[in-house]
Structure formats: structure tokens, C-alpha cells
Amino acid sequence: MAEPSLNFVHNGLRSTSKLVVLSLVAVALLLLDNRYDVVKISRNYIGTALYPLQWLALQPVNAVSNGMVFIESQQNLSNENKMLKTQNAQLKLQISQMEVQLKSVVSLDHLTQLQKAALPQAQVAQIISNDSNPLADRFVIDKGSHHQIRQGDAVSDEHGLVGQITSVQPLSSEVTLITSSNTVIPAMVMRTGVRTLVYGRSGSLDLRYFPANASLLRNDLLVTSGMDSIYPAGIPIAIVKQAQSGNGSPYYRAQVEPIAQLHNSNFVLVIPQKHGQTAHYSADVAVTNRSSANHE
């Protein structure tokens, strides 16, 4: 029973001796380091020899640190990219809105000039509602009976004939397009003066009964003839895209295209009916509008 106790004391004395010896060695090294350069040089050599081990020990730490920096930079780049995409989309939207506004201003300016030059009795109106169907043959304007608008009044844009007022409310009116299947327009070929009729055909126009013994060429301009009390003479209606005669038919097989921007206008001109008197839309204006339509 006594032997373990003696071993414990012996081990305790050995540990104390080690502490004392190491302390003395440390003090001696401090004194030598302070007085002699040999110790400093030895320490430098030892530090140099241990540098690879220190470098290896630091690599995991550096790798983790660099990884965190890389992830953070990637996150920042991703956020900046999203922000730039958002700004780009906003700028594109602003540019698009500005283009639409500019187009509306130009259209309104053209209509105002046309009104002053050829149709001082006409009124400029804004389209405030379209049918949900983009190919619908009617729309609503912001002028009505309070503005002396009447059923049957002609409607045009700066390019040509758009349609006719078919329903009037106090502050608004409904316009039916010339492409409606119920529309018939007295017309003539501006180049030759030959009169004819242009028919609406569910979204397009039809020149059905133009005599084969008359002259009809591609790019001929069809204008209103003024033979009724609704449409003033000289309003551009359509351009001939194709004209063929022969094959024993007494009429041309013709394809015509409306001049007016039927589904793209924001403003229109309402032209009052002239009972017993024809309001003339000058030939110069018709030629100008034909050139504008061709450029577009």
C-alpha cells in the first residue's frame, strides 16, 4: 500500500525538477540572446527552416479566407448584374414610352396642320377606347354631340380616310372603320379621275367593279370622289398593290391597301358632312399623305 504513495511523490518531484530546469534554460537563453549574436543567428536559421511548415499550416486558413472573399465577390457581382438588368429594363421602358409620346405628338401636329391647311371646319379627336379584339372594326373617340359631332361624319388621320361616325353620345362617339363589311365609299383613281366604289371586307378593302377598259396601275392612289354628302373629295383611301385585267372578265382583279393607320393612330380628324356642298380635301394634301404612307 505504501509503494504507490512513494511513486506519486517521486513523480511529483520529477515534474517540479523539469519545471525548474526548463525555467533556468529559458532564463539562460534570454540572457544569451540579449548578449550574443550567435543565438539570434541560430534563431533566424531555425525560423527559416520552420517557414515551410508555417506556410503549410496557413494554407487551409488562406483557402477558407480566399473562398469566402470569392463567394462574397460573386454575390456582389450577381447583385450588381440584377440591378443593372433592372435599370436597363426601366430605361428601355422609358425610351419606349418616350417614343410613343413622340409619335403621338407628331401625329397630333400633322393633324393640326392638315386641319388648318385643308379642313378648318374639322375637329381633332383622341381615340379613348378600342375593342378588345385588335382587328375590330370600331373604336371610340372623346368627342360627341356636345362638340357638334353627328352620325355619318367622316373620320381620317393624317394619312387618309379612317372611317365614319356611326354612334354619337354627348361626350363620345363610336367610329366604324372603312374596312367594315358594311362600308361602301365613292372613290376615284387620282391619276385618271375614273370613278368607282371601294368596299369594306372584314378587315381589308375590296375594289370589286373597276372596269377592265379603264386604266388601273400598281401604286395608283384611290381617293374619295365627293359624290356623296359624307366624304369630302380627295381624301386618300387606299393604294393599289396589284391590278390584273383580262381572262374574259369585264372587271379588274385588284388588291388595294388602306392608306390610314387604322389600328395605330392616337388622334383622328372628324370631318363634318356637307349637305348640298362638297368639302374638298386638296389634291396637294392627298399627295403629301401618300408620300408619308409610302415612307412608313
C-alpha atoms as a PDB file:
ATOM      1  CA  MET A   1       0.000   0.000   0.000  1.00  0.00           C
ATOM      2  CA  ALA A   2       2.956   2.316   0.639  1.00  0.00           C
ATOM      3  CA  GLU A   3       4.576   1.863  -2.793  1.00  0.00           C
ATOM      4  CA  PRO A   4       2.037   3.815  -4.887  1.00  0.00           C
ATOM      5  CA  SER A   5       2.313   6.745  -2.499  1.00  0.00           C
ATOM      6  CA  LEU A   6       6.105   6.813  -2.841  1.00  0.00           C
ATOM      7  CA  ASN A   7       5.794   6.679  -6.652  1.00  0.00           C
ATOM      8  CA  PHE A   8       3.386   9.621  -6.564  1.00  0.00           C
ATOM      9  CA  VAL A   9       5.805  11.714  -4.562  1.00  0.00           C
ATOM     10  CA  HIS A  10       8.616  10.668  -6.822  1.00  0.00           C
ATOM     11  CA  ASN A  11       6.663  11.648  -9.942  1.00  0.00           C
ATOM     12  CA  GLY A  12       5.724  14.936  -8.375  1.00  0.00           C
ATOM     13  CA  LEU A  13       9.347  15.722  -7.610  1.00  0.00           C
ATOM     14  CA  ARG A  14      10.321  14.810 -11.187  1.00  0.00           C
ATOM     15  CA  SER A  15       7.776  17.235 -12.655  1.00  0.00           C
ATOM     16  CA  THR A  16       8.940  20.000 -10.376  1.00  0.00           C
ATOM     17  CA  SER A  17      12.532  19.344 -11.339  1.00  0.00           C
ATOM     18  CA  LYS A  18      11.641  19.562 -15.011  1.00  0.00           C
ATOM     19  CA  LEU A  19       9.904  22.886 -14.476  1.00  0.00           C
ATOM     20  CA  VAL A  20      12.892  24.293 -12.630  1.00  0.00           C
ATOM     21  CA  VAL A  21      15.335  23.081 -15.264  1.00  0.00           C
ATOM     22  CA  LEU A  22      13.288  24.447 -18.139  1.00  0.00           C
ATOM     23  CA  SER A  23      12.891  27.774 -16.389  1.00  0.00           C
ATOM     24  CA  LEU A  24      16.641  28.018 -15.889  1.00  0.00           C
ATOM     25  CA  VAL A  25      17.221  27.142 -19.535  1.00  0.00           C
ATOM     26  CA  ALA A  26      14.739  29.794 -20.642  1.00  0.00           C
ATOM     27  CA  VAL A  27      16.387  32.446 -18.498  1.00  0.00           C
ATOM     28  CA  ALA A  28      19.795  31.430 -19.814  1.00  0.00           C
ATOM     29  CA  LEU A  29      18.581  31.668 -23.420  1.00  0.00           C
ATOM     30  CA  LEU A  30      17.123  35.098 -22.775  1.00  0.00           C
ATOM     31  CA  LEU A  31      20.420  36.279 -21.332  1.00  0.00           C
ATOM     32  CA  LEU A  32      22.409  34.769 -24.206  1.00  0.00           C
ATOM     33  CA  ASP A  33      20.008  36.242 -26.763  1.00  0.00           C
ATOM     34  CA  ASN A  34      20.454  39.608 -25.192  1.00  0.00           C
ATOM     35  CA  ARG A  35      24.269  39.477 -25.144  1.00  0.00           C
ATOM     36  CA  TYR A  36      25.425  37.280 -28.002  1.00  0.00           C
ATOM     37  CA  ASP A  37      24.511  37.323 -31.720  1.00  0.00           C
ATOM     38  CA  VAL A  38      25.033  33.590 -32.081  1.00  0.00           C
ATOM     39  CA  VAL A  39      21.675  32.878 -30.523  1.00  0.00           C
ATOM     40  CA  LYS A  40      19.990  35.437 -32.784  1.00  0.00           C
ATOM     41  CA  ILE A  41      21.575  33.856 -35.857  1.00  0.00           C
ATOM     42  CA  SER A  42      20.546  30.398 -34.703  1.00  0.00           C
ATOM     43  CA  ARG A  43      17.013  31.620 -34.162  1.00  0.00           C
ATOM     44  CA  ASN A  44      16.927  33.016 -37.693  1.00  0.00           C
ATOM     45  CA  TYR A  45      18.123  29.699 -39.137  1.00  0.00           C
ATOM     46  CA  ILE A  46      15.551  27.813 -37.135  1.00  0.00           C
ATOM     47  CA  GLY A  47      12.820  30.249 -38.260  1.00  0.00           C
ATOM     48  CA  THR A  48      13.877  29.811 -41.888  1.00  0.00           C
ATOM     49  CA  ALA A  49      13.865  26.039 -41.546  1.00  0.00           C
ATOM     50  CA  LEU A  50      10.410  26.112 -39.982  1.00  0.00           C
ATOM     51  CA  TYR A  51       8.921  28.563 -42.584  1.00  0.00           C
ATOM     52  CA  PRO A  52       7.658  25.808 -44.942  1.00  0.00           C
ATOM     53  CA  LEU A  53       5.836  24.209 -42.039  1.00  0.00           C
ATOM     54  CA  GLN A  54       4.332  27.569 -41.096  1.00  0.00           C
ATOM     55  CA  TRP A  55       3.326  28.175 -44.746  1.00  0.00           C
ATOM     56  CA  LEU A  56       1.671  24.761 -44.954  1.00  0.00           C
ATOM     57  CA  ALA A  57      -0.131  25.376 -41.690  1.00  0.00           C
ATOM     58  CA  LEU A  58      -1.532  28.675 -43.016  1.00  0.00           C
ATOM     59  CA  GLN A  59      -2.794  27.297 -46.339  1.00  0.00           C
ATOM     60  CA  PRO A  60      -6.111  25.933 -45.031  1.00  0.00           C
ATOM     61  CA  VAL A  61      -6.769  29.269 -43.347  1.00  0.00           C
ATOM     62  CA  ASN A  62      -5.883  31.186 -46.528  1.00  0.00           C
ATOM     63  CA  ALA A  63      -8.006  28.857 -48.650  1.00  0.00           C
ATOM     64  CA  VAL A  64     -11.037  29.389 -46.438  1.00  0.00           C
ATOM     65  CA  SER A  65     -10.433  33.152 -46.392  1.00  0.00           C
ATOM     66  CA  ASN A  66      -9.997  33.347 -50.178  1.00  0.00           C
ATOM     67  CA  GLY A  67     -13.073  31.186 -50.672  1.00  0.00           C
ATOM     68  CA  MET A  68     -15.146  33.492 -48.512  1.00  0.00           C
ATOM     69  CA  VAL A  69     -13.856  36.532 -50.438  1.00  0.00           C
ATOM     70  CA  PHE A  70     -14.621  34.832 -53.781  1.00  0.00           C
ATOM     71  CA  ILE A  71     -18.137  33.876 -52.712  1.00  0.00           C
ATOM     72  CA  GLU A  72     -18.777  37.396 -51.450  1.00  0.00           C
ATOM     73  CA  SER A  73     -17.447  38.938 -54.670  1.00  0.00           C
ATOM     74  CA  GLN A  74     -19.603  36.592 -56.758  1.00  0.00           C
ATOM     75  CA  GLN A  75     -22.643  37.522 -54.708  1.00  0.00           C
ATOM     76  CA  ASN A  76     -21.843  41.212 -55.174  1.00  0.00           C
ATOM     77  CA  LEU A  77     -21.416  40.714 -58.928  1.00  0.00           C
ATOM     78  CA  SER A  78     -24.716  38.839 -59.091  1.00  0.00           C
ATOM     79  CA  ASN A  79     -26.499  41.622 -57.209  1.00  0.00           C
ATOM     80  CA  GLU A  80     -24.922  44.284 -59.427  1.00  0.00           C
ATOM     81  CA  ASN A  81     -25.904  42.309 -62.525  1.00  0.00           C
ATOM     82  CA  LYS A  82     -29.509  42.075 -61.337  1.00  0.00           C
ATOM     83  CA  MET A  83     -29.531  45.790 -60.556  1.00  0.00           C
ATOM     84  CA  LEU A  84     -28.094  46.660 -63.995  1.00  0.00           C
ATOM     85  CA  LYS A  85     -30.652  44.421 -65.710  1.00  0.00           C
ATOM     86  CA  THR A  86     -33.439  46.132 -63.782  1.00  0.00           C
ATOM     87  CA  GLN A  87     -32.095  49.573 -64.680  1.00  0.00           C
ATOM     88  CA  ASN A  88     -31.730  48.500 -68.314  1.00  0.00           C
ATOM     89  CA  ALA A  89     -35.327  47.282 -68.405  1.00  0.00           C
ATOM     90  CA  GLN A  90     -36.504  50.546 -66.831  1.00  0.00           C
ATOM     91  CA  LEU A  91     -34.527  52.608 -69.359  1.00  0.00           C
ATOM     92  CA  LYS A  92     -35.916  50.566 -72.254  1.00  0.00           C
ATOM     93  CA  LEU A  93     -39.434  51.114 -70.921  1.00  0.00           C
ATOM     94  CA  GLN A  94     -38.806  54.861 -70.569  1.00  0.00           C
ATOM     95  CA  ILE A  95     -37.418  55.036 -74.117  1.00  0.00           C
ATOM     96  CA  SER A  96     -40.416  53.107 -75.426  1.00  0.00           C
ATOM     97  CA  GLN A  97     -42.796  55.445 -73.591  1.00  0.00           C
ATOM     98  CA  MET A  98     -40.954  58.479 -74.957  1.00  0.00           C
ATOM     99  CA  GLU A  99     -41.161  57.074 -78.498  1.00  0.00           C
ATOM    100  CA  VAL A 100     -44.911  56.516 -78.116  1.00  0.00           C
ATOM    101  CA  GLN A 101     -45.368  60.034 -76.748  1.00  0.00           C
ATOM    102  CA  LEU A 102     -43.249  61.481 -79.560  1.00  0.00           C
ATOM    103  CA  LYS A 103     -45.270  59.557 -82.136  1.00  0.00           C
ATOM    104  CA  SER A 104     -48.493  60.908 -80.617  1.00  0.00           C
ATOM    105  CA  VAL A 105     -47.143  64.465 -80.665  1.00  0.00           C
ATOM    106  CA  VAL A 106     -46.037  64.136 -84.303  1.00  0.00           C
ATOM    107  CA  SER A 107     -49.400  62.637 -85.271  1.00  0.00           C
ATOM    108  CA  LEU A 108     -51.283  65.420 -83.484  1.00  0.00           C
ATOM    109  CA  ASP A 109     -49.059  68.055 -85.118  1.00  0.00           C
ATOM    110  CA  HIS A 110     -49.710  66.592 -88.582  1.00  0.00           C
ATOM    111  CA  LEU A 111     -53.449  66.523 -87.965  1.00  0.00           C
ATOM    112  CA  THR A 112     -53.430  70.128 -86.728  1.00  0.00           C
ATOM    113  CA  GLN A 113     -51.533  71.258 -89.818  1.00  0.00           C
ATOM    114  CA  LEU A 114     -53.942  69.332 -92.050  1.00  0.00           C
ATOM    115  CA  GLN A 115     -56.926  70.857 -90.283  1.00  0.00           C
ATOM    116  CA  LYS A 116     -55.604  74.398 -90.746  1.00  0.00           C
ATOM    117  CA  ALA A 117     -54.497  73.867 -94.355  1.00  0.00           C
ATOM    118  CA  ALA A 118     -57.403  71.931 -95.848  1.00  0.00           C
ATOM    119  CA  LEU A 119     -60.194  71.267 -93.358  1.00  0.00           C
ATOM    120  CA  PRO A 120     -60.644  74.219 -90.998  1.00  0.00           C
ATOM    121  CA  GLN A 121     -64.152  73.022 -90.131  1.00  0.00           C
ATOM    122  CA  ALA A 122     -62.882  69.627 -88.888  1.00  0.00           C
ATOM    123  CA  GLN A 123     -62.178  68.732 -85.256  1.00  0.00           C
ATOM    124  CA  VAL A 124     -59.225  66.853 -83.790  1.00  0.00           C
ATOM    125  CA  ALA A 125     -60.321  63.999 -81.504  1.00  0.00           C
ATOM    126  CA  GLN A 126     -58.438  61.464 -79.413  1.00  0.00           C
ATOM    127  CA  ILE A 127     -59.087  57.732 -79.505  1.00  0.00           C
ATOM    128  CA  ILE A 128     -60.016  56.743 -75.949  1.00  0.00           C
ATOM    129  CA  SER A 129     -61.121  53.141 -76.362  1.00  0.00           C
ATOM    130  CA  ASN A 130     -60.538  50.253 -78.720  1.00  0.00           C
ATOM    131  CA  ASP A 131     -62.322  46.951 -78.958  1.00  0.00           C
ATOM    132  CA  SER A 132     -60.620  44.098 -77.099  1.00  0.00           C
ATOM    133  CA  ASN A 133     -60.154  42.435 -80.484  1.00  0.00           C
ATOM    134  CA  PRO A 134     -57.104  44.088 -82.146  1.00  0.00           C
ATOM    135  CA  LEU A 135     -58.694  43.537 -85.563  1.00  0.00           C
ATOM    136  CA  ALA A 136     -62.049  45.031 -84.562  1.00  0.00           C
ATOM    137  CA  ASP A 137     -63.645  47.485 -86.990  1.00  0.00           C
ATOM    138  CA  ARG A 138     -64.607  50.176 -84.478  1.00  0.00           C
ATOM    139  CA  PHE A 139     -63.250  52.461 -81.736  1.00  0.00           C
ATOM    140  CA  VAL A 140     -64.433  55.339 -79.510  1.00  0.00           C
ATOM    141  CA  ILE A 141     -63.282  58.982 -79.601  1.00  0.00           C
ATOM    142  CA  ASP A 142     -63.542  61.737 -76.976  1.00  0.00           C
ATOM    143  CA  LYS A 143     -65.906  63.998 -78.928  1.00  0.00           C
ATOM    144  CA  GLY A 144     -69.704  63.750 -79.031  1.00  0.00           C
ATOM    145  CA  SER A 145     -72.901  65.680 -79.635  1.00  0.00           C
ATOM    146  CA  HIS A 146     -71.745  68.421 -77.250  1.00  0.00           C
ATOM    147  CA  HIS A 147     -68.953  69.079 -79.763  1.00  0.00           C
ATOM    148  CA  GLN A 148     -71.336  69.156 -82.767  1.00  0.00           C
ATOM    149  CA  ILE A 149     -70.331  65.656 -83.855  1.00  0.00           C
ATOM    150  CA  ARG A 150     -73.066  63.960 -85.908  1.00  0.00           C
ATOM    151  CA  GLN A 151     -73.725  60.424 -87.013  1.00  0.00           C
ATOM    152  CA  GLY A 152     -72.319  59.947 -90.506  1.00  0.00           C
ATOM    153  CA  ASP A 153     -69.387  62.376 -90.152  1.00  0.00           C
ATOM    154  CA  ALA A 154     -66.201  61.187 -91.854  1.00  0.00           C
ATOM    155  CA  VAL A 155     -63.084  60.402 -89.813  1.00  0.00           C
ATOM    156  CA  SER A 156     -59.476  60.484 -91.063  1.00  0.00           C
ATOM    157  CA  ASP A 157     -55.956  60.511 -89.699  1.00  0.00           C
ATOM    158  CA  GLU A 158     -53.000  62.422 -91.168  1.00  0.00           C
ATOM    159  CA  HIS A 159     -52.592  59.741 -93.861  1.00  0.00           C
ATOM    160  CA  GLY A 160     -56.090  59.133 -95.117  1.00  0.00           C
ATOM    161  CA  LEU A 161     -59.663  58.025 -94.515  1.00  0.00           C
ATOM    162  CA  VAL A 162     -60.224  56.006 -91.327  1.00  0.00           C
ATOM    163  CA  GLY A 163     -63.981  55.566 -91.132  1.00  0.00           C
ATOM    164  CA  GLN A 164     -67.313  57.119 -90.248  1.00  0.00           C
ATOM    165  CA  ILE A 165     -69.171  58.147 -87.080  1.00  0.00           C
ATOM    166  CA  THR A 166     -71.866  55.509 -86.515  1.00  0.00           C
ATOM    167  CA  SER A 167     -72.999  56.261 -82.953  1.00  0.00           C
ATOM    168  CA  VAL A 168     -72.972  59.538 -81.014  1.00  0.00           C
ATOM    169  CA  GLN A 169     -73.147  60.120 -77.250  1.00  0.00           C
ATOM    170  CA  PRO A 170     -72.963  63.514 -75.507  1.00  0.00           C
ATOM    171  CA  LEU A 171     -69.220  63.265 -74.785  1.00  0.00           C
ATOM    172  CA  SER A 172     -68.043  60.436 -77.029  1.00  0.00           C
ATOM    173  CA  SER A 173     -68.692  58.820 -80.389  1.00  0.00           C
ATOM    174  CA  GLU A 174     -68.166  55.434 -81.990  1.00  0.00           C
ATOM    175  CA  VAL A 175     -66.238  55.214 -85.248  1.00  0.00           C
ATOM    176  CA  THR A 176     -66.651  52.308 -87.679  1.00  0.00           C
ATOM    177  CA  LEU A 177     -63.589  51.658 -89.841  1.00  0.00           C
ATOM    178  CA  ILE A 178     -63.663  51.706 -93.630  1.00  0.00           C
ATOM    179  CA  THR A 179     -62.702  48.015 -93.534  1.00  0.00           C
ATOM    180  CA  SER A 180     -66.085  47.096 -92.034  1.00  0.00           C
ATOM    181  CA  SER A 181     -68.078  44.810 -94.324  1.00  0.00           C
ATOM    182  CA  ASN A 182     -70.945  47.356 -94.311  1.00  0.00           C
ATOM    183  CA  THR A 183     -68.845  50.191 -95.762  1.00  0.00           C
ATOM    184  CA  VAL A 184     -69.139  51.465 -99.340  1.00  0.00           C
ATOM    185  CA  ILE A 185     -67.051  54.512-100.329  1.00  0.00           C
ATOM    186  CA  PRO A 186     -67.473  56.520-103.560  1.00  0.00           C
ATOM    187  CA  ALA A 187     -63.923  56.784-104.889  1.00  0.00           C
ATOM    188  CA  MET A 188     -61.846  57.674-107.917  1.00  0.00           C
ATOM    189  CA  VAL A 189     -58.385  56.981-109.254  1.00  0.00           C
ATOM    190  CA  MET A 190     -56.455  60.172-108.621  1.00  0.00           C
ATOM    191  CA  ARG A 191     -54.239  59.677-111.688  1.00  0.00           C
ATOM    192  CA  THR A 192     -57.095  59.307-114.185  1.00  0.00           C
ATOM    193  CA  GLY A 193     -60.219  60.571-112.423  1.00  0.00           C
ATOM    194  CA  VAL A 194     -62.110  57.337-113.159  1.00  0.00           C
ATOM    195  CA  ARG A 195     -64.828  56.877-110.525  1.00  0.00           C
ATOM    196  CA  THR A 196     -65.508  53.619-108.743  1.00  0.00           C
ATOM    197  CA  LEU A 197     -66.636  52.179-105.410  1.00  0.00           C
ATOM    198  CA  VAL A 198     -64.414  50.809-102.642  1.00  0.00           C
ATOM    199  CA  TYR A 199     -65.967  48.192-100.350  1.00  0.00           C
ATOM    200  CA  GLY A 200     -65.014  47.168 -96.832  1.00  0.00           C
ATOM    201  CA  ARG A 201     -64.299  43.477 -96.432  1.00  0.00           C
ATOM    202  CA  SER A 202     -63.904  42.349 -92.794  1.00  0.00           C
ATOM    203  CA  GLY A 203     -60.513  43.901 -92.071  1.00  0.00           C
ATOM    204  CA  SER A 204     -59.454  44.883 -95.594  1.00  0.00           C
ATOM    205  CA  LEU A 205     -60.693  46.768 -98.663  1.00  0.00           C
ATOM    206  CA  ASP A 206     -62.047  45.469-101.953  1.00  0.00           C
ATOM    207  CA  LEU A 207     -62.153  47.113-105.391  1.00  0.00           C
ATOM    208  CA  ARG A 208     -64.768  44.858-106.978  1.00  0.00           C
ATOM    209  CA  TYR A 209     -66.137  46.508-110.090  1.00  0.00           C
ATOM    210  CA  PHE A 210     -63.402  48.585-111.698  1.00  0.00           C
ATOM    211  CA  PRO A 211     -63.944  48.324-115.485  1.00  0.00           C
ATOM    212  CA  ALA A 212     -61.298  46.458-117.451  1.00  0.00           C
ATOM    213  CA  ASN A 213     -61.375  49.051-120.261  1.00  0.00           C
ATOM    214  CA  ALA A 214     -60.106  51.777-117.875  1.00  0.00           C
ATOM    215  CA  SER A 215     -56.517  52.283-116.735  1.00  0.00           C
ATOM    216  CA  LEU A 216     -55.506  50.939-113.334  1.00  0.00           C
ATOM    217  CA  LEU A 217     -51.861  50.535-112.339  1.00  0.00           C
ATOM    218  CA  ARG A 218     -49.921  49.358-109.325  1.00  0.00           C
ATOM    219  CA  ASN A 219     -49.362  52.210-106.808  1.00  0.00           C
ATOM    220  CA  ASP A 220     -52.354  54.185-108.132  1.00  0.00           C
ATOM    221  CA  LEU A 221     -53.924  56.231-105.349  1.00  0.00           C
ATOM    222  CA  LEU A 222     -57.654  55.896-104.675  1.00  0.00           C
ATOM    223  CA  VAL A 223     -59.272  58.978-103.119  1.00  0.00           C
ATOM    224  CA  THR A 224     -62.809  59.916-102.168  1.00  0.00           C
ATOM    225  CA  SER A 225     -64.740  61.268-105.160  1.00  0.00           C
ATOM    226  CA  GLY A 226     -67.020  63.579-103.169  1.00  0.00           C
ATOM    227  CA  MET A 227     -70.082  62.174-104.937  1.00  0.00           C
ATOM    228  CA  ASP A 228     -71.978  61.885-101.659  1.00  0.00           C
ATOM    229  CA  SER A 229     -72.531  64.262 -98.760  1.00  0.00           C
ATOM    230  CA  ILE A 230     -70.403  62.251 -96.332  1.00  0.00           C
ATOM    231  CA  TYR A 231     -66.833  62.103 -97.598  1.00  0.00           C
ATOM    232  CA  PRO A 232     -65.158  65.288 -98.905  1.00  0.00           C
ATOM    233  CA  ALA A 233     -63.420  64.843-102.257  1.00  0.00           C
ATOM    234  CA  GLY A 234     -59.737  63.976-102.340  1.00  0.00           C
ATOM    235  CA  ILE A 235     -59.257  62.103 -99.059  1.00  0.00           C
ATOM    236  CA  PRO A 236     -56.775  59.244 -99.676  1.00  0.00           C
ATOM    237  CA  ILE A 237     -58.417  55.844 -99.217  1.00  0.00           C
ATOM    238  CA  ALA A 238     -56.066  53.167-100.494  1.00  0.00           C
ATOM    239  CA  ILE A 239     -53.126  52.312-102.726  1.00  0.00           C
ATOM    240  CA  VAL A 240     -53.405  49.734-105.483  1.00  0.00           C
ATOM    241  CA  LYS A 241     -50.994  46.905-104.717  1.00  0.00           C
ATOM    242  CA  GLN A 242     -51.942  44.657-107.632  1.00  0.00           C
ATOM    243  CA  ALA A 243     -54.103  45.110-110.747  1.00  0.00           C
ATOM    244  CA  GLN A 244     -54.829  42.440-113.386  1.00  0.00           C
ATOM    245  CA  SER A 245     -57.273  42.516-116.266  1.00  0.00           C
ATOM    246  CA  GLY A 246     -58.206  40.037-118.976  1.00  0.00           C
ATOM    247  CA  ASN A 247     -59.323  36.412-118.817  1.00  0.00           C
ATOM    248  CA  GLY A 248     -62.658  37.467-120.247  1.00  0.00           C
ATOM    249  CA  SER A 249     -63.693  39.384-117.108  1.00  0.00           C
ATOM    250  CA  PRO A 250     -65.180  42.881-117.550  1.00  0.00           C
ATOM    251  CA  TYR A 251     -63.514  43.993-114.303  1.00  0.00           C
ATOM    252  CA  TYR A 252     -60.016  44.209-112.872  1.00  0.00           C
ATOM    253  CA  ARG A 253     -58.822  41.777-110.261  1.00  0.00           C
ATOM    254  CA  ALA A 254     -57.290  44.315-107.904  1.00  0.00           C
ATOM    255  CA  GLN A 255     -55.722  44.256-104.465  1.00  0.00           C
ATOM    256  CA  VAL A 256     -55.787  47.512-102.511  1.00  0.00           C
ATOM    257  CA  GLU A 257     -54.380  48.524 -99.133  1.00  0.00           C
ATOM    258  CA  PRO A 258     -55.701  51.272 -96.805  1.00  0.00           C
ATOM    259  CA  ILE A 259     -53.595  54.415 -96.551  1.00  0.00           C
ATOM    260  CA  ALA A 260     -54.660  55.315 -92.997  1.00  0.00           C
ATOM    261  CA  GLN A 261     -53.073  53.741 -89.935  1.00  0.00           C
ATOM    262  CA  LEU A 262     -56.344  52.128 -88.905  1.00  0.00           C
ATOM    263  CA  HIS A 263     -55.083  50.411 -85.750  1.00  0.00           C
ATOM    264  CA  ASN A 264     -52.090  52.603 -84.848  1.00  0.00           C
ATOM    265  CA  SER A 265     -53.466  56.146 -84.637  1.00  0.00           C
ATOM    266  CA  ASN A 266     -53.937  58.020 -81.367  1.00  0.00           C
ATOM    267  CA  PHE A 267     -55.641  61.099 -82.832  1.00  0.00           C
ATOM    268  CA  VAL A 268     -58.098  61.494 -85.698  1.00  0.00           C
ATOM    269  CA  LEU A 269     -59.826  64.271 -87.590  1.00  0.00           C
ATOM    270  CA  VAL A 270     -63.645  64.384 -87.607  1.00  0.00           C
ATOM    271  CA  ILE A 271     -64.885  65.984 -90.835  1.00  0.00           C
ATOM    272  CA  PRO A 272     -68.494  67.258 -90.738  1.00  0.00           C
ATOM    273  CA  GLN A 273     -70.913  66.335 -93.509  1.00  0.00           C
ATOM    274  CA  LYS A 274     -71.638  68.954 -96.138  1.00  0.00           C
ATOM    275  CA  HIS A 275     -75.210  68.641 -97.371  1.00  0.00           C
ATOM    276  CA  GLY A 276     -75.546  70.194-100.797  1.00  0.00           C
ATOM    277  CA  GLN A 277     -71.902  71.236-100.789  1.00  0.00           C
ATOM    278  CA  THR A 278     -68.700  69.239-101.215  1.00  0.00           C
ATOM    279  CA  ALA A 279     -65.856  69.959 -98.828  1.00  0.00           C
ATOM    280  CA  HIS A 280     -62.640  69.490-100.798  1.00  0.00           C
ATOM    281  CA  TYR A 281     -59.619  67.851 -99.315  1.00  0.00           C
ATOM    282  CA  SER A 282     -56.932  69.342-101.569  1.00  0.00           C
ATOM    283  CA  ALA A 283     -55.022  67.188-104.039  1.00  0.00           C
ATOM    284  CA  ASP A 284     -51.739  68.529-102.654  1.00  0.00           C
ATOM    285  CA  VAL A 285     -52.639  67.212 -99.203  1.00  0.00           C
ATOM    286  CA  ALA A 286     -53.549  63.840-100.699  1.00  0.00           C
ATOM    287  CA  VAL A 287     -50.201  63.605-102.480  1.00  0.00           C
ATOM    288  CA  THR A 288     -48.364  64.596 -99.302  1.00  0.00           C
ATOM    289  CA  ASN A 289     -50.171  61.936 -97.292  1.00  0.00           C
ATOM    290  CA  ARG A 290     -49.473  59.318 -99.961  1.00  0.00           C
ATOM    291  CA  SER A 291     -45.747  60.088 -99.723  1.00  0.00           C
ATOM    292  CA  SER A 292     -45.870  59.868 -95.925  1.00  0.00           C
ATOM    293  CA  ALA A 293     -47.596  56.500 -96.095  1.00  0.00           C
ATOM    294  CA  ASN A 294     -45.039  55.155 -98.564  1.00  0.00           C
ATOM    295  CA  HIS A 295     -42.158  56.273 -96.332  1.00  0.00           C
ATOM    296  CA  GLU A 296     -43.686  54.473 -93.405  1.00  0.00           C
END
